[in-house]
N, C-alpha and C. Protein backbone atom coordinates (compact mmCIF):
# COMPACT_ATOMS: atom_id res chain seq x y z
N MET A 1 0.83 -1.19 0.00
CA MET A 1 0.00 0.00 0.00
C MET A 1 0.87 1.25 0.00
N ARG A 2 1.84 1.29 0.87
CA ARG A 2 2.70 2.48 0.95
C ARG A 2 3.55 2.65 -0.30
N SER A 3 4.05 1.56 -0.85
CA SER A 3 4.91 1.69 -2.03
C SER A 3 4.12 2.22 -3.21
N SER A 4 2.83 1.84 -3.32
CA SER A 4 2.03 2.36 -4.42
C SER A 4 1.73 3.85 -4.22
N GLU A 5 1.49 4.27 -2.96
CA GLU A 5 1.29 5.69 -2.67
C GLU A 5 2.56 6.47 -2.95
N SER A 6 3.69 5.90 -2.57
CA SER A 6 4.97 6.56 -2.80
C SER A 6 5.24 6.69 -4.29
N ALA A 7 4.95 5.64 -5.04
CA ALA A 7 5.16 5.69 -6.49
C ALA A 7 4.22 6.71 -7.13
N ARG A 8 2.99 6.78 -6.67
CA ARG A 8 2.02 7.73 -7.19
C ARG A 8 2.47 9.17 -6.90
N LEU A 9 2.96 9.40 -5.66
CA LEU A 9 3.43 10.73 -5.28
C LEU A 9 4.65 11.12 -6.11
N LYS A 10 5.56 10.17 -6.31
CA LYS A 10 6.76 10.45 -7.11
C LYS A 10 6.38 10.76 -8.55
N LYS A 11 5.42 10.02 -9.09
CA LYS A 11 4.99 10.25 -10.47
C LYS A 11 4.34 11.63 -10.59
N ARG A 12 3.53 12.03 -9.58
CA ARG A 12 2.89 13.32 -9.61
C ARG A 12 3.92 14.46 -9.52
N ASN A 13 4.94 14.27 -8.64
CA ASN A 13 5.99 15.28 -8.52
C ASN A 13 6.78 15.41 -9.82
N ASN A 14 7.07 14.26 -10.45
CA ASN A 14 7.80 14.30 -11.71
C ASN A 14 6.98 14.96 -12.80
N ALA A 15 5.66 14.69 -12.83
CA ALA A 15 4.79 15.31 -13.84
C ALA A 15 4.75 16.82 -13.65
N ALA A 16 4.65 17.27 -12.40
CA ALA A 16 4.63 18.70 -12.13
C ALA A 16 5.95 19.35 -12.53
N LEU A 17 7.05 18.67 -12.25
CA LEU A 17 8.36 19.19 -12.60
C LEU A 17 8.53 19.25 -14.12
N GLN A 18 8.07 18.21 -14.83
CA GLN A 18 8.16 18.21 -16.29
C GLN A 18 7.29 19.30 -16.89
N ALA A 19 6.10 19.50 -16.31
CA ALA A 19 5.22 20.55 -16.82
C ALA A 19 5.85 21.94 -16.64
N ALA A 20 6.52 22.12 -15.51
CA ALA A 20 7.16 23.41 -15.26
C ALA A 20 8.34 23.63 -16.18
N THR A 21 9.09 22.58 -16.47
CA THR A 21 10.26 22.74 -17.34
C THR A 21 9.88 22.73 -18.81
N ALA A 22 8.68 22.22 -19.18
CA ALA A 22 8.26 22.22 -20.58
C ALA A 22 7.99 23.64 -21.07
N LYS A 23 7.46 24.48 -20.17
CA LYS A 23 7.18 25.86 -20.53
C LYS A 23 8.48 26.64 -20.74
N ASN A 24 9.46 26.37 -19.92
CA ASN A 24 10.74 27.05 -19.98
C ASN A 24 11.83 25.99 -19.92
N PRO A 25 12.41 25.62 -21.04
CA PRO A 25 13.36 24.50 -21.05
C PRO A 25 14.65 24.76 -20.27
N GLY A 26 15.00 26.00 -20.04
CA GLY A 26 16.22 26.30 -19.29
C GLY A 26 16.00 26.10 -17.80
N PRO A 27 17.08 26.14 -17.02
CA PRO A 27 16.92 25.97 -15.58
C PRO A 27 16.16 27.16 -14.99
N ASN A 28 15.13 26.86 -14.24
CA ASN A 28 14.38 27.92 -13.58
C ASN A 28 14.36 27.67 -12.09
N LEU A 29 13.90 28.66 -11.38
CA LEU A 29 13.92 28.60 -9.92
C LEU A 29 13.01 27.49 -9.39
N LEU A 30 11.86 27.29 -10.01
CA LEU A 30 10.93 26.27 -9.54
C LEU A 30 11.53 24.87 -9.64
N SER A 31 12.22 24.59 -10.75
CA SER A 31 12.82 23.27 -10.89
C SER A 31 13.99 23.06 -9.92
N LEU A 32 14.70 24.14 -9.61
CA LEU A 32 15.81 24.02 -8.66
C LEU A 32 15.30 23.83 -7.24
N VAL A 33 14.26 24.57 -6.86
CA VAL A 33 13.70 24.46 -5.52
C VAL A 33 13.06 23.10 -5.31
N ALA A 34 12.47 22.54 -6.36
CA ALA A 34 11.81 21.24 -6.25
C ALA A 34 12.81 20.12 -5.98
N LYS A 35 14.07 20.34 -6.24
CA LYS A 35 15.09 19.31 -6.05
C LYS A 35 15.87 19.44 -4.75
N ILE A 36 15.56 20.45 -3.94
CA ILE A 36 16.29 20.67 -2.69
C ILE A 36 15.77 19.72 -1.62
N HIS A 37 16.69 19.04 -0.96
CA HIS A 37 16.35 18.11 0.11
C HIS A 37 16.57 18.80 1.46
N SER A 38 15.96 18.27 2.49
CA SER A 38 16.05 18.89 3.82
C SER A 38 17.48 18.89 4.35
N ASP A 39 18.25 17.86 4.05
CA ASP A 39 19.63 17.82 4.52
C ASP A 39 20.51 18.84 3.81
N HIS A 40 20.15 19.24 2.61
CA HIS A 40 20.91 20.29 1.94
C HIS A 40 20.80 21.59 2.74
N ILE A 41 19.59 21.92 3.16
CA ILE A 41 19.38 23.14 3.95
C ILE A 41 20.07 23.01 5.31
N GLY A 42 19.89 21.87 5.97
CA GLY A 42 20.51 21.67 7.28
C GLY A 42 22.02 21.77 7.22
N GLY A 43 22.63 21.18 6.21
CA GLY A 43 24.08 21.24 6.06
C GLY A 43 24.59 22.64 5.81
N VAL A 44 23.87 23.40 4.99
CA VAL A 44 24.27 24.78 4.71
C VAL A 44 24.13 25.64 5.96
N VAL A 45 23.07 25.41 6.75
CA VAL A 45 22.90 26.16 7.99
C VAL A 45 24.04 25.85 8.96
N LEU A 46 24.40 24.58 9.10
CA LEU A 46 25.53 24.22 9.96
C LEU A 46 26.83 24.86 9.48
N PHE A 47 27.04 24.85 8.18
CA PHE A 47 28.26 25.45 7.63
C PHE A 47 28.30 26.95 7.91
N CYS A 48 27.17 27.63 7.73
CA CYS A 48 27.11 29.08 8.00
C CYS A 48 27.33 29.37 9.48
N PHE A 49 26.76 28.52 10.35
CA PHE A 49 26.98 28.66 11.78
C PHE A 49 28.47 28.50 12.11
N ALA A 50 29.12 27.53 11.46
CA ALA A 50 30.55 27.32 11.67
C ALA A 50 31.36 28.51 11.19
N LEU A 51 30.94 29.13 10.09
CA LEU A 51 31.63 30.34 9.62
C LEU A 51 31.52 31.46 10.64
N GLY A 52 30.36 31.61 11.24
CA GLY A 52 30.17 32.63 12.27
C GLY A 52 31.06 32.37 13.49
N ILE A 53 31.15 31.12 13.90
CA ILE A 53 32.01 30.77 15.03
C ILE A 53 33.47 31.04 14.68
N ALA A 54 33.87 30.65 13.48
CA ALA A 54 35.26 30.88 13.06
C ALA A 54 35.57 32.37 12.98
N TRP A 55 34.61 33.17 12.52
CA TRP A 55 34.81 34.62 12.44
C TRP A 55 35.05 35.22 13.82
N GLU A 56 34.26 34.78 14.80
CA GLU A 56 34.43 35.29 16.15
C GLU A 56 35.69 34.73 16.80
N ALA A 57 36.02 33.47 16.50
CA ALA A 57 37.20 32.84 17.11
C ALA A 57 38.50 33.43 16.58
N HIS A 58 38.47 33.95 15.35
CA HIS A 58 39.72 34.50 14.80
C HIS A 58 40.13 35.80 15.50
N LYS A 59 39.21 36.41 16.24
CA LYS A 59 39.53 37.62 17.00
C LYS A 59 40.31 37.30 18.27
N LEU A 60 40.26 36.05 18.70
CA LEU A 60 40.96 35.62 19.91
C LEU A 60 42.34 35.08 19.52
N PRO A 61 43.29 35.11 20.47
CA PRO A 61 44.61 34.54 20.15
C PRO A 61 44.52 33.03 19.96
N LEU A 62 45.08 32.55 18.84
CA LEU A 62 45.00 31.13 18.51
C LEU A 62 46.02 30.31 19.29
N GLY A 63 47.21 30.84 19.46
CA GLY A 63 48.25 30.11 20.17
C GLY A 63 48.86 29.03 19.29
N SER A 64 49.41 28.00 19.92
CA SER A 64 50.03 26.90 19.18
C SER A 64 49.49 25.58 19.73
N LEU A 65 49.96 24.50 19.17
CA LEU A 65 49.53 23.19 19.63
C LEU A 65 49.99 22.93 21.06
N HIS A 66 51.20 23.39 21.41
CA HIS A 66 51.74 23.18 22.75
C HIS A 66 51.20 24.18 23.77
N GLU A 67 50.86 25.38 23.31
CA GLU A 67 50.29 26.40 24.17
C GLU A 67 49.08 27.01 23.48
N PRO A 68 47.93 26.32 23.54
CA PRO A 68 46.75 26.85 22.83
C PRO A 68 46.22 28.11 23.49
N GLY A 69 45.78 29.03 22.65
CA GLY A 69 45.20 30.27 23.15
C GLY A 69 43.70 30.12 23.32
N ALA A 70 43.07 31.23 23.61
CA ALA A 70 41.63 31.22 23.87
C ALA A 70 40.81 30.89 22.62
N GLY A 71 41.35 31.14 21.44
CA GLY A 71 40.62 30.87 20.21
C GLY A 71 40.90 29.51 19.60
N TYR A 72 41.77 28.73 20.22
CA TYR A 72 42.18 27.46 19.65
C TYR A 72 41.01 26.46 19.57
N MET A 73 40.35 26.24 20.67
CA MET A 73 39.27 25.26 20.70
C MET A 73 38.05 25.72 19.89
N PRO A 74 37.61 26.97 20.02
CA PRO A 74 36.48 27.38 19.16
C PRO A 74 36.79 27.27 17.67
N MET A 75 38.03 27.59 17.27
CA MET A 75 38.39 27.48 15.86
C MET A 75 38.40 26.02 15.42
N GLY A 76 38.94 25.15 16.26
CA GLY A 76 38.94 23.72 15.94
C GLY A 76 37.53 23.17 15.82
N LEU A 77 36.66 23.55 16.75
CA LEU A 77 35.27 23.10 16.69
C LEU A 77 34.55 23.67 15.46
N ALA A 78 34.87 24.91 15.09
CA ALA A 78 34.26 25.51 13.90
C ALA A 78 34.69 24.77 12.64
N ILE A 79 35.94 24.36 12.58
CA ILE A 79 36.43 23.61 11.42
C ILE A 79 35.73 22.26 11.33
N VAL A 80 35.59 21.57 12.46
CA VAL A 80 34.90 20.27 12.46
C VAL A 80 33.44 20.45 12.09
N LEU A 81 32.77 21.43 12.69
CA LEU A 81 31.36 21.67 12.40
C LEU A 81 31.15 22.06 10.94
N GLY A 82 32.03 22.89 10.41
CA GLY A 82 31.92 23.29 9.01
C GLY A 82 32.12 22.11 8.07
N GLY A 83 33.09 21.26 8.38
CA GLY A 83 33.30 20.06 7.56
C GLY A 83 32.12 19.12 7.61
N LEU A 84 31.56 18.91 8.79
CA LEU A 84 30.39 18.05 8.90
C LEU A 84 29.18 18.66 8.21
N GLY A 85 29.04 19.99 8.30
CA GLY A 85 27.94 20.66 7.61
C GLY A 85 28.05 20.49 6.10
N LEU A 86 29.26 20.62 5.56
CA LEU A 86 29.45 20.40 4.13
C LEU A 86 29.16 18.95 3.75
N LEU A 87 29.58 18.02 4.59
CA LEU A 87 29.32 16.61 4.33
C LEU A 87 27.82 16.32 4.31
N VAL A 88 27.09 16.87 5.26
CA VAL A 88 25.64 16.68 5.29
C VAL A 88 25.00 17.30 4.05
N ALA A 89 25.44 18.50 3.67
CA ALA A 89 24.86 19.18 2.52
C ALA A 89 25.14 18.43 1.22
N LEU A 90 26.34 17.91 1.08
CA LEU A 90 26.71 17.23 -0.17
C LEU A 90 26.10 15.84 -0.28
N ARG A 91 25.87 15.18 0.85
CA ARG A 91 25.32 13.83 0.82
C ARG A 91 23.85 13.79 1.19
N GLY A 92 23.16 14.91 1.07
CA GLY A 92 21.79 15.02 1.53
C GLY A 92 20.74 14.54 0.55
N SER A 93 21.11 13.87 -0.50
CA SER A 93 20.13 13.46 -1.52
C SER A 93 19.18 12.37 -1.04
N SER A 94 19.54 11.66 0.01
CA SER A 94 18.67 10.58 0.48
C SER A 94 17.61 11.06 1.46
N SER A 95 17.67 12.31 1.88
CA SER A 95 16.67 12.86 2.79
C SER A 95 15.42 13.27 2.00
N PRO A 96 14.30 13.50 2.70
CA PRO A 96 13.07 13.89 1.99
C PRO A 96 13.23 15.26 1.32
N LEU A 97 12.47 15.45 0.26
CA LEU A 97 12.46 16.75 -0.40
C LEU A 97 11.90 17.80 0.54
N LEU A 98 12.43 19.00 0.47
CA LEU A 98 12.05 20.06 1.38
C LEU A 98 10.57 20.41 1.26
N HIS A 99 10.04 20.46 0.05
CA HIS A 99 8.65 20.85 -0.13
C HIS A 99 7.67 19.75 0.32
N SER A 100 8.16 18.54 0.56
CA SER A 100 7.27 17.46 1.00
C SER A 100 7.17 17.36 2.52
N LEU A 101 7.96 18.13 3.24
CA LEU A 101 7.94 18.05 4.70
C LEU A 101 6.70 18.71 5.26
N ARG A 102 6.19 18.15 6.33
CA ARG A 102 5.08 18.73 7.06
C ARG A 102 5.60 19.12 8.44
N TRP A 103 5.02 20.11 9.05
CA TRP A 103 5.49 20.62 10.33
C TRP A 103 4.39 20.52 11.38
N PRO A 104 4.00 19.32 11.78
CA PRO A 104 2.90 19.21 12.74
C PRO A 104 3.27 19.66 14.15
N GLU A 105 4.53 19.68 14.48
CA GLU A 105 4.97 20.04 15.83
C GLU A 105 5.50 21.46 15.94
N ILE A 106 5.21 22.30 14.95
CA ILE A 106 5.75 23.66 14.96
C ILE A 106 5.23 24.46 16.14
N GLY A 107 3.99 24.25 16.53
CA GLY A 107 3.44 24.95 17.69
C GLY A 107 4.14 24.55 18.98
N HIS A 108 4.41 23.26 19.11
CA HIS A 108 5.12 22.74 20.28
C HIS A 108 6.53 23.33 20.35
N ALA A 109 7.22 23.35 19.22
CA ALA A 109 8.57 23.92 19.17
C ALA A 109 8.55 25.41 19.48
N GLY A 110 7.55 26.12 19.01
CA GLY A 110 7.44 27.54 19.29
C GLY A 110 7.25 27.82 20.78
N LYS A 111 6.45 26.99 21.45
CA LYS A 111 6.25 27.15 22.89
C LYS A 111 7.54 26.91 23.66
N ILE A 112 8.31 25.92 23.24
CA ILE A 112 9.59 25.64 23.91
C ILE A 112 10.57 26.78 23.67
N LEU A 113 10.60 27.31 22.46
CA LEU A 113 11.47 28.45 22.16
C LEU A 113 11.06 29.68 22.97
N LEU A 114 9.77 29.88 23.13
CA LEU A 114 9.27 30.98 23.95
C LEU A 114 9.70 30.80 25.42
N ALA A 115 9.62 29.57 25.92
CA ALA A 115 10.04 29.29 27.30
C ALA A 115 11.53 29.54 27.48
N CYS A 116 12.34 29.14 26.51
CA CYS A 116 13.78 29.38 26.59
C CYS A 116 14.10 30.87 26.54
N SER A 117 13.38 31.61 25.73
CA SER A 117 13.57 33.06 25.67
C SER A 117 13.23 33.70 27.00
N PHE A 118 12.12 33.26 27.60
CA PHE A 118 11.75 33.77 28.92
C PHE A 118 12.86 33.49 29.93
N ALA A 119 13.39 32.27 29.91
CA ALA A 119 14.44 31.91 30.87
C ALA A 119 15.67 32.77 30.69
N ALA A 120 16.05 33.04 29.45
CA ALA A 120 17.23 33.87 29.21
C ALA A 120 17.02 35.30 29.70
N LEU A 121 15.82 35.82 29.53
CA LEU A 121 15.54 37.19 29.95
C LEU A 121 15.29 37.32 31.45
N ALA A 122 14.73 36.29 32.06
CA ALA A 122 14.34 36.37 33.47
C ALA A 122 15.43 35.94 34.44
N LEU A 123 16.44 35.26 33.98
CA LEU A 123 17.44 34.67 34.88
C LEU A 123 18.10 35.71 35.78
N GLU A 124 18.54 36.80 35.22
CA GLU A 124 19.20 37.84 36.02
C GLU A 124 18.21 38.63 36.86
N ARG A 125 16.99 38.78 36.38
CA ARG A 125 16.01 39.62 37.07
C ARG A 125 15.37 38.94 38.28
N ILE A 126 14.97 37.68 38.12
CA ILE A 126 14.26 37.02 39.23
C ILE A 126 15.07 35.90 39.87
N GLY A 127 16.27 35.65 39.37
CA GLY A 127 17.15 34.66 39.98
C GLY A 127 17.00 33.27 39.38
N TYR A 128 18.01 32.45 39.66
CA TYR A 128 18.09 31.11 39.08
C TYR A 128 16.94 30.23 39.55
N ARG A 129 16.72 30.15 40.85
CA ARG A 129 15.74 29.20 41.38
C ARG A 129 14.33 29.51 40.90
N LEU A 130 13.91 30.75 40.96
CA LEU A 130 12.55 31.09 40.50
C LEU A 130 12.40 30.90 38.99
N THR A 131 13.44 31.23 38.24
CA THR A 131 13.38 31.05 36.79
C THR A 131 13.21 29.58 36.44
N VAL A 132 13.98 28.71 37.08
CA VAL A 132 13.90 27.28 36.79
C VAL A 132 12.54 26.72 37.23
N ILE A 133 12.04 27.17 38.37
CA ILE A 133 10.72 26.71 38.82
C ILE A 133 9.64 27.10 37.81
N ILE A 134 9.62 28.36 37.39
CA ILE A 134 8.62 28.83 36.42
C ILE A 134 8.77 28.10 35.09
N LEU A 135 10.00 27.93 34.64
CA LEU A 135 10.26 27.24 33.38
C LEU A 135 9.76 25.80 33.42
N LEU A 136 10.08 25.08 34.48
CA LEU A 136 9.66 23.68 34.57
C LEU A 136 8.16 23.55 34.78
N VAL A 137 7.55 24.45 35.51
CA VAL A 137 6.09 24.41 35.66
C VAL A 137 5.43 24.63 34.30
N PHE A 138 5.95 25.55 33.51
CA PHE A 138 5.40 25.78 32.18
C PHE A 138 5.61 24.58 31.27
N LEU A 139 6.84 24.07 31.22
CA LEU A 139 7.14 22.96 30.32
C LEU A 139 6.40 21.69 30.71
N LEU A 140 6.44 21.35 31.99
CA LEU A 140 5.81 20.10 32.43
C LEU A 140 4.31 20.24 32.64
N GLY A 141 3.88 21.35 33.20
CA GLY A 141 2.47 21.50 33.52
C GLY A 141 1.62 21.96 32.35
N VAL A 142 2.09 22.94 31.61
CA VAL A 142 1.29 23.51 30.53
C VAL A 142 1.49 22.75 29.22
N ILE A 143 2.74 22.54 28.84
CA ILE A 143 3.01 21.90 27.55
C ILE A 143 2.81 20.38 27.62
N GLU A 144 3.41 19.73 28.61
CA GLU A 144 3.33 18.28 28.69
C GLU A 144 2.11 17.77 29.47
N ARG A 145 1.42 18.65 30.17
CA ARG A 145 0.20 18.33 30.92
C ARG A 145 0.38 17.17 31.90
N GLN A 146 1.43 17.26 32.70
CA GLN A 146 1.66 16.27 33.76
C GLN A 146 0.79 16.61 34.96
N ARG A 147 0.67 15.66 35.86
CA ARG A 147 -0.12 15.88 37.08
C ARG A 147 0.55 16.95 37.94
N PRO A 148 -0.24 17.76 38.65
CA PRO A 148 0.32 18.86 39.45
C PRO A 148 1.31 18.40 40.51
N VAL A 149 1.10 17.23 41.09
CA VAL A 149 2.03 16.74 42.11
C VAL A 149 3.40 16.47 41.48
N ILE A 150 3.41 15.85 40.34
CA ILE A 150 4.68 15.55 39.65
C ILE A 150 5.37 16.85 39.24
N VAL A 151 4.60 17.79 38.72
CA VAL A 151 5.17 19.07 38.29
C VAL A 151 5.79 19.80 39.47
N THR A 152 5.10 19.83 40.60
CA THR A 152 5.60 20.53 41.79
C THR A 152 6.87 19.87 42.32
N VAL A 153 6.86 18.56 42.44
CA VAL A 153 8.03 17.85 42.97
C VAL A 153 9.24 18.02 42.05
N VAL A 154 9.04 17.85 40.76
CA VAL A 154 10.17 17.96 39.82
C VAL A 154 10.68 19.40 39.77
N ALA A 155 9.79 20.37 39.68
CA ALA A 155 10.21 21.77 39.57
C ALA A 155 10.97 22.22 40.81
N LEU A 156 10.42 21.95 42.00
CA LEU A 156 11.11 22.34 43.23
C LEU A 156 12.40 21.55 43.44
N GLY A 157 12.33 20.24 43.23
CA GLY A 157 13.51 19.41 43.43
C GLY A 157 14.65 19.75 42.48
N PHE A 158 14.31 19.94 41.21
CA PHE A 158 15.35 20.26 40.23
C PHE A 158 15.93 21.64 40.48
N SER A 159 15.07 22.61 40.75
CA SER A 159 15.53 23.98 40.98
C SER A 159 16.43 24.07 42.21
N LEU A 160 15.93 23.56 43.31
CA LEU A 160 16.70 23.65 44.56
C LEU A 160 17.92 22.74 44.53
N GLY A 161 17.77 21.56 43.95
CA GLY A 161 18.89 20.62 43.88
C GLY A 161 20.04 21.11 43.02
N THR A 162 19.71 21.64 41.84
CA THR A 162 20.79 22.14 40.98
C THR A 162 21.42 23.41 41.54
N PHE A 163 20.61 24.24 42.21
CA PHE A 163 21.19 25.42 42.84
C PHE A 163 22.16 25.01 43.95
N PHE A 164 21.78 24.05 44.76
CA PHE A 164 22.67 23.57 45.82
C PHE A 164 23.95 22.99 45.23
N LEU A 165 23.81 22.19 44.18
CA LEU A 165 24.99 21.58 43.56
C LEU A 165 25.94 22.64 43.01
N PHE A 166 25.42 23.54 42.19
CA PHE A 166 26.30 24.50 41.53
C PHE A 166 26.74 25.64 42.44
N ALA A 167 25.82 26.24 43.16
CA ALA A 167 26.17 27.42 43.96
C ALA A 167 26.89 27.06 45.25
N ASP A 168 26.43 26.03 45.94
CA ASP A 168 27.02 25.71 47.25
C ASP A 168 28.20 24.76 47.15
N LEU A 169 28.04 23.66 46.42
CA LEU A 169 29.12 22.67 46.36
C LEU A 169 30.23 23.06 45.38
N LEU A 170 29.85 23.50 44.20
CA LEU A 170 30.85 23.83 43.17
C LEU A 170 31.25 25.30 43.16
N LYS A 171 30.59 26.12 43.96
CA LYS A 171 30.90 27.54 44.11
C LYS A 171 30.78 28.32 42.80
N VAL A 172 29.79 27.97 41.98
CA VAL A 172 29.51 28.71 40.75
C VAL A 172 28.54 29.83 41.11
N PRO A 173 28.87 31.06 40.79
CA PRO A 173 27.96 32.16 41.16
C PRO A 173 26.72 32.17 40.26
N LEU A 174 25.59 31.82 40.83
CA LEU A 174 24.33 31.85 40.10
C LEU A 174 23.53 33.07 40.54
N PRO A 175 22.76 33.67 39.64
CA PRO A 175 22.02 34.88 40.01
C PRO A 175 20.93 34.61 41.05
N ARG A 176 20.88 35.48 42.02
CA ARG A 176 19.81 35.42 43.02
C ARG A 176 18.84 36.54 42.70
N GLY A 177 17.60 36.29 42.96
CA GLY A 177 16.56 37.27 42.65
C GLY A 177 16.58 38.44 43.61
N PRO A 178 15.68 39.39 43.40
CA PRO A 178 15.64 40.57 44.26
C PRO A 178 15.28 40.24 45.71
N TRP A 179 14.68 39.09 45.94
CA TRP A 179 14.30 38.67 47.30
C TRP A 179 15.33 37.73 47.92
N GLY A 180 16.48 37.57 47.25
CA GLY A 180 17.54 36.70 47.75
C GLY A 180 17.28 35.23 47.52
N PHE A 181 16.28 34.91 46.73
CA PHE A 181 15.93 33.51 46.49
C PHE A 181 16.42 33.07 45.16
């Protein structure tokens, strides 16, 4: 059943592509976009991200192999990431076509991105513990719809436990809110 649907979809895509190229026999934008796979886009994005990291890392002293500077590791990671991004982009023909992808979880991803943005903005203002509690209550209670008892235990336990670990045991300075909490 699936193979016949797949064959039918492929035949329809090929017919649409042939119809578009019959009107204009030269390469056009529609025929090029129809051939782009999702891994091509992902690989190019990774490569561009690596270029940005390399650009910022080149401002730091690189040092040498025996005495690496502050820019040594970021530059090395940028080179690896850029190479892997190119590899993904060049070998991306086996991934699904970009125009055939559906985004059923885009709302879920948007809510998580919104929660992360809130955490980044609120961390200094209301402190680590309150930010983590609010973030976990939102993620577990609102998005994942867990039971209130589980949400409360996990949010309080994780917030207070990680604060104790990092601030008290490891002496990492974490932001405290205006109320000292």
